[in-house]
Amino acid sequence: MNLILLGAPGAGKGTQAKRLAEKYKIAHISTGDMLRDAVARGSDLGKKAKEYMDRGELVPDDIVIGIVKERLKEEDCRNGFILDGFPRTLKQAEALDKILLELGKEIDAVINIFVPEDEVVKRIAYRRSCRRCGAVYNLIYDPPKGDVCDKCGGDLYQRDDDKEEVVRERYRVYRNRTEPLIEYYRKRGKIIDVNGTRSIEDVFNEIVRSLPKKLNF
């Protein structure tokens, strides 16, 4: 089973991708996690990517495409994968088509999780992370008990790309550059539309029910 998750920042793609990967025993490929890892390591790729990420802009296609191509060749993708955060542009989608053709694979379904802009802002701009252990809180939905991390007492901070003005810019970029992918895959009969404003469990159950029966084992 080879899947793609589409959705604005904060739509819950990562959460759903992890659950689907566990249920179907397929690889979860998160370009966001891979890019943030490169930033944390201070690699040349990470330094270039950070400049774009801090401004709320998309990382250039050639950087992301190269990362994904190598990742899809790894052994854990043999039985299937779920792409979380890629493709984000038509150019990336076309590049992915070529990569999959080379590997003898194809996309079975594209899950489109929709969440309105104001909800995205609440989910991201009110997010705080622990500098020490990495725990994540939301000041509206899952606030810490005090001004420090509940788990380790570490300082809480807001990531640069979580600030409201950056979040709204990320959403605008998504609408302008990524949403055309929905039509691209809809024409190919691959799109599954899911309302992402409900609980994690409800969204997950709808995705599972909506997958083609031949994939739902």
N, C-alpha and C. Protein backbone atom coordinates (compact mmCIF):
# COMPACT_ATOMS: atom_id res chain seq x y z
N MET A 1 0.84 -1.19 0.00
CA MET A 1 0.00 0.00 0.00
C MET A 1 0.88 1.25 0.00
N ASN A 2 0.69 2.10 -1.00
CA ASN A 2 1.46 3.33 -1.12
C ASN A 2 0.51 4.52 -1.07
N LEU A 3 0.66 5.37 -0.04
CA LEU A 3 -0.27 6.46 0.19
C LEU A 3 0.44 7.81 0.24
N ILE A 4 -0.33 8.88 -0.04
CA ILE A 4 0.12 10.25 0.14
C ILE A 4 -0.88 10.94 1.06
N LEU A 5 -0.39 11.75 2.01
CA LEU A 5 -1.25 12.58 2.84
C LEU A 5 -1.07 14.03 2.43
N LEU A 6 -2.16 14.69 2.08
CA LEU A 6 -2.15 16.12 1.78
C LEU A 6 -2.91 16.86 2.86
N GLY A 7 -2.51 18.10 3.14
CA GLY A 7 -3.20 18.91 4.13
C GLY A 7 -2.32 20.07 4.55
N ALA A 8 -2.94 21.15 4.98
CA ALA A 8 -2.19 22.33 5.41
C ALA A 8 -1.35 22.01 6.64
N PRO A 9 -0.36 22.87 6.95
CA PRO A 9 0.38 22.69 8.21
C PRO A 9 -0.60 22.65 9.38
N GLY A 10 -0.42 21.71 10.29
CA GLY A 10 -1.31 21.61 11.43
C GLY A 10 -2.57 20.81 11.18
N ALA A 11 -2.71 20.23 9.99
CA ALA A 11 -3.93 19.48 9.67
C ALA A 11 -3.96 18.12 10.36
N GLY A 12 -2.82 17.68 10.87
CA GLY A 12 -2.77 16.38 11.55
C GLY A 12 -2.19 15.27 10.68
N LYS A 13 -1.49 15.64 9.61
CA LYS A 13 -0.93 14.63 8.71
C LYS A 13 0.02 13.69 9.43
N GLY A 14 0.92 14.27 10.25
CA GLY A 14 1.91 13.44 10.92
C GLY A 14 1.28 12.44 11.86
N THR A 15 0.31 12.88 12.65
CA THR A 15 -0.38 12.00 13.59
C THR A 15 -1.07 10.85 12.87
N GLN A 16 -1.80 11.17 11.81
CA GLN A 16 -2.52 10.14 11.07
C GLN A 16 -1.56 9.22 10.32
N ALA A 17 -0.48 9.78 9.80
CA ALA A 17 0.50 8.96 9.07
C ALA A 17 1.12 7.91 9.98
N LYS A 18 1.45 8.31 11.21
CA LYS A 18 2.04 7.36 12.15
C LYS A 18 1.06 6.22 12.48
N ARG A 19 -0.21 6.55 12.65
CA ARG A 19 -1.20 5.53 12.98
C ARG A 19 -1.44 4.59 11.79
N LEU A 20 -1.48 5.16 10.59
CA LEU A 20 -1.68 4.33 9.40
C LEU A 20 -0.47 3.44 9.16
N ALA A 21 0.73 3.98 9.38
CA ALA A 21 1.94 3.19 9.18
C ALA A 21 1.97 2.01 10.14
N GLU A 22 1.52 2.25 11.37
CA GLU A 22 1.49 1.18 12.37
C GLU A 22 0.43 0.13 12.02
N LYS A 23 -0.74 0.58 11.60
CA LYS A 23 -1.82 -0.35 11.29
C LYS A 23 -1.48 -1.25 10.10
N TYR A 24 -0.91 -0.64 9.05
CA TYR A 24 -0.67 -1.38 7.81
C TYR A 24 0.77 -1.86 7.65
N LYS A 25 1.61 -1.59 8.66
CA LYS A 25 3.01 -2.05 8.66
C LYS A 25 3.75 -1.55 7.42
N ILE A 26 3.63 -0.23 7.17
CA ILE A 26 4.32 0.39 6.05
C ILE A 26 5.19 1.53 6.57
N ALA A 27 6.13 1.99 5.75
CA ALA A 27 7.07 3.03 6.16
C ALA A 27 6.40 4.40 6.20
N HIS A 28 6.67 5.15 7.25
CA HIS A 28 6.17 6.54 7.35
C HIS A 28 7.31 7.46 6.94
N ILE A 29 7.12 8.16 5.84
CA ILE A 29 8.16 9.04 5.31
C ILE A 29 7.71 10.48 5.49
N SER A 30 8.30 11.16 6.47
CA SER A 30 7.97 12.55 6.76
C SER A 30 9.11 13.45 6.31
N THR A 31 8.88 14.21 5.25
CA THR A 31 9.93 15.12 4.78
C THR A 31 10.20 16.20 5.82
N GLY A 32 9.17 16.61 6.55
CA GLY A 32 9.36 17.61 7.59
C GLY A 32 10.35 17.14 8.65
N ASP A 33 10.18 15.90 9.13
CA ASP A 33 11.10 15.35 10.12
C ASP A 33 12.51 15.24 9.56
N MET A 34 12.63 14.81 8.30
CA MET A 34 13.94 14.66 7.69
C MET A 34 14.64 16.02 7.56
N LEU A 35 13.89 17.04 7.17
CA LEU A 35 14.46 18.37 7.03
C LEU A 35 14.86 18.95 8.39
N ARG A 36 13.99 18.77 9.41
CA ARG A 36 14.31 19.28 10.74
C ARG A 36 15.54 18.58 11.31
N ASP A 37 15.70 17.30 11.00
CA ASP A 37 16.87 16.56 11.44
C ASP A 37 18.13 17.14 10.80
N ALA A 38 18.03 17.47 9.51
CA ALA A 38 19.16 18.07 8.80
C ALA A 38 19.52 19.43 9.41
N VAL A 39 18.50 20.20 9.80
CA VAL A 39 18.71 21.51 10.44
C VAL A 39 19.42 21.32 11.78
N ALA A 40 18.94 20.35 12.57
CA ALA A 40 19.51 20.10 13.90
C ALA A 40 20.97 19.67 13.80
N ARG A 41 21.30 18.91 12.78
CA ARG A 41 22.68 18.43 12.59
C ARG A 41 23.59 19.50 11.99
N GLY A 42 22.97 20.56 11.46
CA GLY A 42 23.77 21.64 10.88
C GLY A 42 24.44 21.27 9.58
N SER A 43 23.85 20.32 8.85
CA SER A 43 24.42 19.93 7.56
C SER A 43 24.22 21.04 6.53
N ASP A 44 24.92 20.94 5.41
CA ASP A 44 24.76 21.94 4.35
C ASP A 44 23.30 22.01 3.91
N LEU A 45 22.68 20.83 3.78
CA LEU A 45 21.26 20.77 3.41
C LEU A 45 20.42 21.45 4.47
N GLY A 46 20.73 21.18 5.73
CA GLY A 46 19.96 21.75 6.83
C GLY A 46 20.06 23.26 6.88
N LYS A 47 21.25 23.79 6.64
CA LYS A 47 21.44 25.25 6.66
C LYS A 47 20.62 25.92 5.55
N LYS A 48 20.62 25.30 4.38
CA LYS A 48 19.84 25.85 3.27
C LYS A 48 18.34 25.76 3.56
N ALA A 49 17.93 24.60 4.07
CA ALA A 49 16.51 24.39 4.35
C ALA A 49 16.01 25.34 5.43
N LYS A 50 16.83 25.60 6.46
CA LYS A 50 16.41 26.45 7.59
C LYS A 50 16.05 27.86 7.14
N GLU A 51 16.78 28.38 6.17
CA GLU A 51 16.50 29.74 5.68
C GLU A 51 15.06 29.84 5.16
N TYR A 52 14.63 28.81 4.44
CA TYR A 52 13.27 28.79 3.88
C TYR A 52 12.24 28.49 4.96
N MET A 53 12.53 27.53 5.83
CA MET A 53 11.58 27.12 6.86
C MET A 53 11.30 28.26 7.84
N ASP A 54 12.31 29.04 8.21
CA ASP A 54 12.13 30.14 9.15
C ASP A 54 11.25 31.25 8.58
N ARG A 55 11.21 31.33 7.25
CA ARG A 55 10.37 32.34 6.60
C ARG A 55 8.98 31.80 6.26
N GLY A 56 8.75 30.54 6.58
CA GLY A 56 7.47 29.92 6.26
C GLY A 56 7.33 29.56 4.80
N GLU A 57 8.45 29.47 4.09
CA GLU A 57 8.43 29.15 2.67
C GLU A 57 8.75 27.67 2.45
N LEU A 58 8.37 27.16 1.29
CA LEU A 58 8.68 25.78 0.96
C LEU A 58 10.16 25.62 0.62
N VAL A 59 10.74 24.52 1.07
CA VAL A 59 12.12 24.20 0.72
C VAL A 59 12.16 23.88 -0.78
N PRO A 60 13.17 24.35 -1.51
CA PRO A 60 13.23 24.13 -2.96
C PRO A 60 13.07 22.67 -3.36
N ASP A 61 12.43 22.47 -4.51
CA ASP A 61 12.10 21.13 -4.98
C ASP A 61 13.31 20.22 -5.09
N ASP A 62 14.43 20.73 -5.62
CA ASP A 62 15.56 19.84 -5.88
C ASP A 62 16.11 19.23 -4.59
N ILE A 63 16.05 19.99 -3.48
CA ILE A 63 16.51 19.47 -2.19
C ILE A 63 15.59 18.36 -1.70
N VAL A 64 14.29 18.62 -1.72
CA VAL A 64 13.32 17.67 -1.19
C VAL A 64 13.23 16.41 -2.06
N ILE A 65 13.21 16.59 -3.37
CA ILE A 65 13.09 15.46 -4.30
C ILE A 65 14.26 14.49 -4.11
N GLY A 66 15.46 15.03 -3.95
CA GLY A 66 16.63 14.18 -3.75
C GLY A 66 16.52 13.36 -2.48
N ILE A 67 16.03 13.97 -1.41
CA ILE A 67 15.86 13.26 -0.14
C ILE A 67 14.86 12.12 -0.28
N VAL A 68 13.72 12.41 -0.90
CA VAL A 68 12.65 11.41 -1.03
C VAL A 68 13.08 10.25 -1.93
N LYS A 69 13.76 10.56 -3.01
CA LYS A 69 14.19 9.51 -3.95
C LYS A 69 15.05 8.46 -3.25
N GLU A 70 16.02 8.92 -2.49
CA GLU A 70 16.88 8.00 -1.77
C GLU A 70 16.11 7.22 -0.70
N ARG A 71 15.17 7.90 -0.06
CA ARG A 71 14.40 7.25 1.02
C ARG A 71 13.53 6.12 0.49
N LEU A 72 12.93 6.31 -0.68
CA LEU A 72 12.04 5.29 -1.24
C LEU A 72 12.78 4.02 -1.67
N LYS A 73 14.09 4.12 -1.78
CA LYS A 73 14.89 2.96 -2.17
C LYS A 73 15.24 2.07 -0.99
N GLU A 74 14.98 2.56 0.22
CA GLU A 74 15.35 1.80 1.41
C GLU A 74 14.45 0.58 1.61
N GLU A 75 14.98 -0.40 2.31
CA GLU A 75 14.35 -1.71 2.46
C GLU A 75 12.96 -1.64 3.09
N ASP A 76 12.77 -0.73 4.05
CA ASP A 76 11.49 -0.71 4.75
C ASP A 76 10.34 -0.18 3.90
N CYS A 77 10.64 0.28 2.69
CA CYS A 77 9.59 0.74 1.77
C CYS A 77 9.13 -0.36 0.82
N ARG A 78 9.73 -1.53 0.94
CA ARG A 78 9.43 -2.62 0.01
C ARG A 78 7.95 -3.00 0.03
N ASN A 79 7.35 -3.03 1.23
CA ASN A 79 5.95 -3.45 1.35
C ASN A 79 4.96 -2.28 1.31
N GLY A 80 5.47 -1.07 1.17
CA GLY A 80 4.58 0.09 1.09
C GLY A 80 5.10 1.26 1.89
N PHE A 81 4.49 2.43 1.68
CA PHE A 81 4.93 3.63 2.37
C PHE A 81 3.79 4.63 2.41
N ILE A 82 3.93 5.61 3.30
CA ILE A 82 2.99 6.72 3.34
C ILE A 82 3.81 8.00 3.35
N LEU A 83 3.61 8.84 2.35
CA LEU A 83 4.34 10.10 2.21
C LEU A 83 3.61 11.21 2.96
N ASP A 84 4.28 11.81 3.91
CA ASP A 84 3.72 12.85 4.77
C ASP A 84 4.49 14.15 4.53
N GLY A 85 3.89 15.08 3.79
CA GLY A 85 4.57 16.33 3.49
C GLY A 85 5.22 16.40 2.12
N PHE A 86 4.99 15.38 1.31
CA PHE A 86 5.51 15.33 -0.05
C PHE A 86 4.57 14.49 -0.90
N PRO A 87 4.26 14.93 -2.12
CA PRO A 87 4.67 16.17 -2.78
C PRO A 87 3.87 17.37 -2.31
N ARG A 88 4.45 18.57 -2.51
CA ARG A 88 3.78 19.82 -2.15
C ARG A 88 3.55 20.72 -3.35
N THR A 89 4.14 20.39 -4.46
CA THR A 89 3.96 21.18 -5.68
C THR A 89 3.73 20.22 -6.85
N LEU A 90 3.20 20.76 -7.95
CA LEU A 90 2.99 19.93 -9.14
C LEU A 90 4.32 19.40 -9.66
N LYS A 91 5.36 20.22 -9.58
CA LYS A 91 6.68 19.76 -10.03
C LYS A 91 7.13 18.56 -9.22
N GLN A 92 6.90 18.61 -7.91
CA GLN A 92 7.28 17.49 -7.05
C GLN A 92 6.44 16.25 -7.39
N ALA A 93 5.15 16.45 -7.68
CA ALA A 93 4.27 15.32 -8.02
C ALA A 93 4.74 14.66 -9.31
N GLU A 94 5.12 15.45 -10.27
CA GLU A 94 5.60 14.91 -11.54
C GLU A 94 6.93 14.19 -11.34
N ALA A 95 7.79 14.75 -10.48
CA ALA A 95 9.06 14.09 -10.17
C ALA A 95 8.81 12.77 -9.45
N LEU A 96 7.82 12.76 -8.56
CA LEU A 96 7.48 11.53 -7.85
C LEU A 96 6.99 10.46 -8.82
N ASP A 97 6.19 10.85 -9.81
CA ASP A 97 5.72 9.90 -10.82
C ASP A 97 6.90 9.21 -11.49
N LYS A 98 7.92 9.98 -11.82
CA LYS A 98 9.11 9.42 -12.49
C LYS A 98 9.88 8.48 -11.57
N ILE A 99 10.01 8.90 -10.31
CA ILE A 99 10.72 8.07 -9.34
C ILE A 99 10.00 6.73 -9.17
N LEU A 100 8.67 6.77 -9.01
CA LEU A 100 7.90 5.54 -8.80
C LEU A 100 7.94 4.65 -10.02
N LEU A 101 7.93 5.26 -11.21
CA LEU A 101 8.03 4.48 -12.45
C LEU A 101 9.35 3.71 -12.48
N GLU A 102 10.42 4.37 -12.07
CA GLU A 102 11.73 3.72 -12.02
C GLU A 102 11.74 2.56 -11.03
N LEU A 103 11.01 2.73 -9.94
CA LEU A 103 11.00 1.72 -8.88
C LEU A 103 9.92 0.66 -9.08
N GLY A 104 9.08 0.82 -10.12
CA GLY A 104 8.00 -0.12 -10.36
C GLY A 104 6.89 -0.05 -9.34
N LYS A 105 6.64 1.16 -8.82
CA LYS A 105 5.59 1.35 -7.82
C LYS A 105 4.58 2.37 -8.32
N GLU A 106 3.43 2.48 -7.62
CA GLU A 106 2.44 3.51 -7.93
C GLU A 106 1.70 3.91 -6.67
N ILE A 107 1.10 5.11 -6.70
CA ILE A 107 0.33 5.59 -5.56
C ILE A 107 -1.07 4.97 -5.61
N ASP A 108 -1.51 4.40 -4.48
CA ASP A 108 -2.83 3.77 -4.42
C ASP A 108 -3.93 4.75 -4.03
N ALA A 109 -3.62 5.69 -3.14
CA ALA A 109 -4.63 6.66 -2.71
C ALA A 109 -3.95 7.90 -2.15
N VAL A 110 -4.64 9.04 -2.28
CA VAL A 110 -4.14 10.32 -1.76
C VAL A 110 -5.19 10.85 -0.77
N ILE A 111 -4.82 10.95 0.49
CA ILE A 111 -5.74 11.37 1.54
C ILE A 111 -5.60 12.87 1.74
N ASN A 112 -6.68 13.62 1.51
CA ASN A 112 -6.68 15.07 1.64
C ASN A 112 -7.40 15.46 2.93
N ILE A 113 -6.63 15.90 3.94
CA ILE A 113 -7.20 16.30 5.22
C ILE A 113 -7.40 17.80 5.23
N PHE A 114 -8.65 18.25 5.32
CA PHE A 114 -8.96 19.68 5.27
C PHE A 114 -9.18 20.25 6.66
N VAL A 115 -8.49 21.38 6.96
CA VAL A 115 -8.67 22.12 8.20
C VAL A 115 -8.63 23.61 7.85
N PRO A 116 -9.60 24.44 8.30
CA PRO A 116 -9.63 25.87 7.99
C PRO A 116 -8.43 26.62 8.59
N GLU A 117 -8.13 27.80 8.03
CA GLU A 117 -6.95 28.57 8.44
C GLU A 117 -6.96 28.93 9.93
N ASP A 118 -8.09 29.41 10.46
CA ASP A 118 -8.12 29.82 11.86
C ASP A 118 -7.84 28.66 12.81
N GLU A 119 -8.30 27.48 12.45
CA GLU A 119 -8.04 26.30 13.27
C GLU A 119 -6.56 25.93 13.20
N VAL A 120 -5.97 26.07 12.02
CA VAL A 120 -4.54 25.80 11.86
C VAL A 120 -3.73 26.73 12.77
N VAL A 121 -4.11 28.01 12.80
CA VAL A 121 -3.41 28.98 13.65
C VAL A 121 -3.49 28.56 15.11
N LYS A 122 -4.68 28.15 15.57
CA LYS A 122 -4.84 27.72 16.97
C LYS A 122 -3.95 26.52 17.27
N ARG A 123 -3.84 25.62 16.33
CA ARG A 123 -3.07 24.40 16.57
C ARG A 123 -1.57 24.65 16.60
N ILE A 124 -1.09 25.62 15.79
CA ILE A 124 0.36 25.81 15.64
C ILE A 124 0.89 27.01 16.41
N ALA A 125 0.23 28.17 16.26
CA ALA A 125 0.76 29.39 16.88
C ALA A 125 0.72 29.33 18.41
N TYR A 126 -0.13 28.46 18.96
CA TYR A 126 -0.22 28.33 20.41
C TYR A 126 0.57 27.10 20.91
N ARG A 127 1.42 26.57 20.04
CA ARG A 127 2.23 25.40 20.40
C ARG A 127 3.51 25.86 21.10
N ARG A 128 3.89 25.14 22.14
CA ARG A 128 5.13 25.40 22.86
C ARG A 128 5.89 24.09 23.03
N SER A 129 7.21 24.15 22.87
CA SER A 129 8.05 22.95 22.95
C SER A 129 9.03 23.08 24.10
N CYS A 130 9.39 21.94 24.67
CA CYS A 130 10.37 21.91 25.76
C CYS A 130 11.78 21.83 25.18
N ARG A 131 12.64 22.74 25.62
CA ARG A 131 14.03 22.73 25.12
C ARG A 131 14.80 21.50 25.58
N ARG A 132 14.40 20.93 26.71
CA ARG A 132 15.17 19.83 27.29
C ARG A 132 14.75 18.47 26.75
N CYS A 133 13.44 18.14 26.81
CA CYS A 133 13.01 16.79 26.43
C CYS A 133 12.22 16.75 25.13
N GLY A 134 11.86 17.92 24.59
CA GLY A 134 11.15 17.95 23.31
C GLY A 134 9.64 17.79 23.42
N ALA A 135 9.10 17.69 24.64
CA ALA A 135 7.65 17.57 24.79
C ALA A 135 6.95 18.78 24.18
N VAL A 136 5.77 18.56 23.61
CA VAL A 136 5.04 19.63 22.94
C VAL A 136 3.69 19.86 23.61
N TYR A 137 3.34 21.12 23.83
CA TYR A 137 2.07 21.51 24.44
C TYR A 137 1.34 22.48 23.52
N ASN A 138 0.05 22.66 23.78
CA ASN A 138 -0.73 23.69 23.11
C ASN A 138 -1.45 24.50 24.18
N LEU A 139 -1.26 25.82 24.16
CA LEU A 139 -1.80 26.67 25.22
C LEU A 139 -3.32 26.67 25.27
N ILE A 140 -3.97 26.24 24.18
CA ILE A 140 -5.44 26.17 24.14
C ILE A 140 -5.93 24.76 24.42
N TYR A 141 -5.42 23.78 23.68
CA TYR A 141 -5.95 22.42 23.74
C TYR A 141 -5.26 21.51 24.75
N ASP A 142 -3.98 21.74 25.01
CA ASP A 142 -3.24 20.85 25.91
C ASP A 142 -2.17 21.66 26.65
N PRO A 143 -2.60 22.60 27.51
CA PRO A 143 -1.64 23.51 28.15
C PRO A 143 -0.83 22.82 29.26
N PRO A 144 0.39 23.32 29.49
CA PRO A 144 1.17 22.81 30.63
C PRO A 144 0.54 23.33 31.92
N LYS A 145 0.88 22.72 33.04
CA LYS A 145 0.31 23.13 34.31
C LYS A 145 0.87 24.48 34.77
N GLY A 146 2.10 24.77 34.34
CA GLY A 146 2.74 26.03 34.72
C GLY A 146 3.50 26.63 33.55
N ASP A 147 4.59 27.31 33.87
CA ASP A 147 5.39 27.97 32.84
C ASP A 147 6.54 27.10 32.33
N VAL A 148 6.67 25.91 32.89
CA VAL A 148 7.73 25.00 32.47
C VAL A 148 7.13 23.65 32.07
N CYS A 149 7.96 22.78 31.52
CA CYS A 149 7.50 21.47 31.06
C CYS A 149 7.02 20.61 32.23
N ASP A 150 5.85 20.00 32.06
CA ASP A 150 5.30 19.13 33.10
C ASP A 150 6.15 17.90 33.31
N LYS A 151 6.83 17.45 32.26
CA LYS A 151 7.56 16.18 32.31
C LYS A 151 8.94 16.30 32.93
N CYS A 152 9.67 17.39 32.59
CA CYS A 152 11.05 17.48 33.05
C CYS A 152 11.42 18.82 33.67
N GLY A 153 10.48 19.79 33.63
CA GLY A 153 10.78 21.10 34.19
C GLY A 153 11.60 22.00 33.29
N GLY A 154 11.78 21.58 32.06
CA GLY A 154 12.56 22.36 31.11
C GLY A 154 11.83 23.61 30.64
N ASP A 155 12.59 24.54 30.08
CA ASP A 155 12.01 25.77 29.55
C ASP A 155 11.15 25.49 28.33
N LEU A 156 10.04 26.20 28.22
CA LEU A 156 9.16 26.08 27.06
C LEU A 156 9.41 27.26 26.12
N TYR A 157 9.40 27.01 24.83
CA TYR A 157 9.64 28.07 23.86
C TYR A 157 8.78 27.86 22.63
N GLN A 158 8.66 28.91 21.81
CA GLN A 158 7.91 28.86 20.57
C GLN A 158 8.90 28.82 19.41
N ARG A 159 8.80 27.80 18.56
CA ARG A 159 9.67 27.71 17.39
C ARG A 159 9.42 28.90 16.48
N ASP A 160 10.46 29.34 15.78
CA ASP A 160 10.31 30.48 14.87
C ASP A 160 9.22 30.26 13.83
N ASP A 161 9.14 29.01 13.32
CA ASP A 161 8.14 28.75 12.27
C ASP A 161 6.76 28.45 12.85
N ASP A 162 6.59 28.61 14.18
CA ASP A 162 5.28 28.45 14.81
C ASP A 162 4.61 29.80 15.11
N LYS A 163 5.32 30.89 14.88
CA LYS A 163 4.74 32.21 15.16
C LYS A 163 3.59 32.49 14.20
N GLU A 164 2.55 33.23 14.72
CA GLU A 164 1.31 33.38 13.95
C GLU A 164 1.53 33.93 12.55
N GLU A 165 2.35 34.96 12.41
CA GLU A 165 2.55 35.54 11.07
C GLU A 165 3.19 34.54 10.11
N VAL A 166 4.06 33.68 10.66
CA VAL A 166 4.69 32.66 9.82
C VAL A 166 3.69 31.56 9.48
N VAL A 167 2.86 31.20 10.46
CA VAL A 167 1.84 30.16 10.24
C VAL A 167 0.87 30.59 9.13
N ARG A 168 0.43 31.85 9.20
CA ARG A 168 -0.50 32.33 8.16
C ARG A 168 0.17 32.38 6.80
N GLU A 169 1.46 32.70 6.78
CA GLU A 169 2.19 32.69 5.51
C GLU A 169 2.32 31.26 4.98
N ARG A 170 2.59 30.31 5.89
CA ARG A 170 2.68 28.91 5.49
C ARG A 170 1.35 28.42 4.90
N TYR A 171 0.26 28.87 5.52
CA TYR A 171 -1.06 28.47 5.03
C TYR A 171 -1.31 29.08 3.65
N ARG A 172 -0.91 30.35 3.47
CA ARG A 172 -1.08 31.01 2.17
C ARG A 172 -0.27 30.29 1.09
N VAL A 173 0.96 29.93 1.44
CA VAL A 173 1.81 29.20 0.50
C VAL A 173 1.15 27.87 0.14
N TYR A 174 0.61 27.21 1.16
CA TYR A 174 -0.08 25.94 0.91
C TYR A 174 -1.23 26.11 -0.08
N ARG A 175 -2.08 27.10 0.18
CA ARG A 175 -3.24 27.31 -0.69
C ARG A 175 -2.80 27.60 -2.13
N ASN A 176 -1.77 28.41 -2.28
CA ASN A 176 -1.36 28.84 -3.62
C ASN A 176 -0.60 27.77 -4.39
N ARG A 177 0.22 27.01 -3.68
CA ARG A 177 1.13 26.09 -4.38
C ARG A 177 0.81 24.62 -4.21
N THR A 178 0.17 24.25 -3.11
CA THR A 178 -0.05 22.83 -2.84
C THR A 178 -1.44 22.36 -3.21
N GLU A 179 -2.46 23.19 -3.01
CA GLU A 179 -3.82 22.74 -3.29
C GLU A 179 -4.04 22.31 -4.75
N PRO A 180 -3.32 22.87 -5.74
CA PRO A 180 -3.48 22.35 -7.09
C PRO A 180 -3.21 20.85 -7.20
N LEU A 181 -2.47 20.30 -6.23
CA LEU A 181 -2.21 18.86 -6.23
C LEU A 181 -3.51 18.07 -6.05
N ILE A 182 -4.43 18.67 -5.30
CA ILE A 182 -5.70 17.98 -5.06
C ILE A 182 -6.39 17.71 -6.39
N GLU A 183 -6.44 18.71 -7.24
CA GLU A 183 -7.07 18.54 -8.55
C GLU A 183 -6.26 17.58 -9.42
N TYR A 184 -4.95 17.66 -9.31
CA TYR A 184 -4.06 16.77 -10.08
C TYR A 184 -4.37 15.30 -9.79
N TYR A 185 -4.50 14.99 -8.51
CA TYR A 185 -4.77 13.60 -8.12
C TYR A 185 -6.25 13.24 -8.23
N ARG A 186 -7.12 14.26 -8.11
CA ARG A 186 -8.54 13.98 -8.25
C ARG A 186 -8.85 13.50 -9.67
N LYS A 187 -8.21 14.11 -10.65
CA LYS A 187 -8.43 13.71 -12.04
C LYS A 187 -8.00 12.27 -12.27
N ARG A 188 -7.12 11.78 -11.43
CA ARG A 188 -6.65 10.39 -11.56
C ARG A 188 -7.42 9.44 -10.66
N GLY A 189 -8.45 9.96 -9.99
CA GLY A 189 -9.30 9.12 -9.15
C GLY A 189 -8.64 8.64 -7.88
N LYS A 190 -7.66 9.40 -7.37
CA LYS A 190 -6.90 8.95 -6.20
C LYS A 190 -7.30 9.64 -4.90
N ILE A 191 -8.04 10.75 -4.98
CA ILE A 191 -8.30 11.58 -3.80
C ILE A 191 -9.36 10.99 -2.86
N ILE A 192 -9.05 11.05 -1.56
CA ILE A 192 -10.01 10.75 -0.50
C ILE A 192 -10.08 11.99 0.39
N ASP A 193 -11.22 12.70 0.40
CA ASP A 193 -11.38 13.91 1.20
C ASP A 193 -11.81 13.57 2.63
N VAL A 194 -11.13 14.17 3.61
CA VAL A 194 -11.42 13.90 5.02
C VAL A 194 -11.47 15.21 5.79
N ASN A 195 -12.51 15.38 6.63
CA ASN A 195 -12.66 16.55 7.47
C ASN A 195 -11.73 16.41 8.68
N GLY A 196 -10.69 17.27 8.75
CA GLY A 196 -9.69 17.14 9.80
C GLY A 196 -9.98 17.90 11.08
N THR A 197 -11.17 18.49 11.21
CA THR A 197 -11.48 19.28 12.40
C THR A 197 -12.00 18.42 13.56
N ARG A 198 -12.23 17.15 13.32
CA ARG A 198 -12.77 16.27 14.36
C ARG A 198 -11.65 15.64 15.18
N SER A 199 -12.01 14.72 16.07
CA SER A 199 -11.01 14.08 16.93
C SER A 199 -10.06 13.23 16.10
N ILE A 200 -8.90 12.97 16.66
CA ILE A 200 -7.89 12.15 15.98
C ILE A 200 -8.47 10.78 15.63
N GLU A 201 -9.22 10.20 16.58
CA GLU A 201 -9.80 8.88 16.36
C GLU A 201 -10.82 8.89 15.24
N ASP A 202 -11.68 9.91 15.21
CA ASP A 202 -12.71 9.99 14.17
C ASP A 202 -12.09 10.17 12.79
N VAL A 203 -11.07 11.00 12.71
CA VAL A 203 -10.40 11.22 11.43
C VAL A 203 -9.74 9.92 10.96
N PHE A 204 -9.07 9.24 11.88
CA PHE A 204 -8.40 7.98 11.53
C PHE A 204 -9.40 6.94 11.03
N ASN A 205 -10.51 6.79 11.75
CA ASN A 205 -11.51 5.80 11.35
C ASN A 205 -12.10 6.10 9.98
N GLU A 206 -12.32 7.39 9.68
CA GLU A 206 -12.85 7.73 8.37
C GLU A 206 -11.86 7.41 7.26
N ILE A 207 -10.58 7.67 7.52
CA ILE A 207 -9.55 7.35 6.52
C ILE A 207 -9.56 5.85 6.22
N VAL A 208 -9.54 5.05 7.28
CA VAL A 208 -9.51 3.60 7.12
C VAL A 208 -10.74 3.11 6.35
N ARG A 209 -11.93 3.63 6.72
CA ARG A 209 -13.16 3.21 6.03
C ARG A 209 -13.15 3.63 4.56
N SER A 210 -12.49 4.76 4.26
CA SER A 210 -12.53 5.31 2.92
C SER A 210 -11.51 4.72 1.96
N LEU A 211 -10.52 4.02 2.48
CA LEU A 211 -9.51 3.43 1.61
C LEU A 211 -10.15 2.36 0.72
N PRO A 212 -9.67 2.22 -0.51
CA PRO A 212 -10.21 1.18 -1.38
C PRO A 212 -10.20 -0.18 -0.69
N LYS A 213 -11.25 -0.94 -0.87
CA LYS A 213 -11.39 -2.21 -0.17
C LYS A 213 -10.24 -3.16 -0.44
N LYS A 214 -9.67 -3.08 -1.63
CA LYS A 214 -8.56 -3.99 -1.95
C LYS A 214 -7.33 -3.69 -1.11
N LEU A 215 -7.26 -2.45 -0.54
CA LEU A 215 -6.10 -2.08 0.28
C LEU A 215 -6.37 -2.32 1.76
N ASN A 216 -7.63 -2.37 2.14
CA ASN A 216 -8.01 -2.43 3.55
C ASN A 216 -8.05 -3.86 4.07
N PHE A 217 -6.86 -4.32 4.44
CA PHE A 217 -6.76 -5.70 4.93
C PHE A 217 -6.52 -5.72 6.41
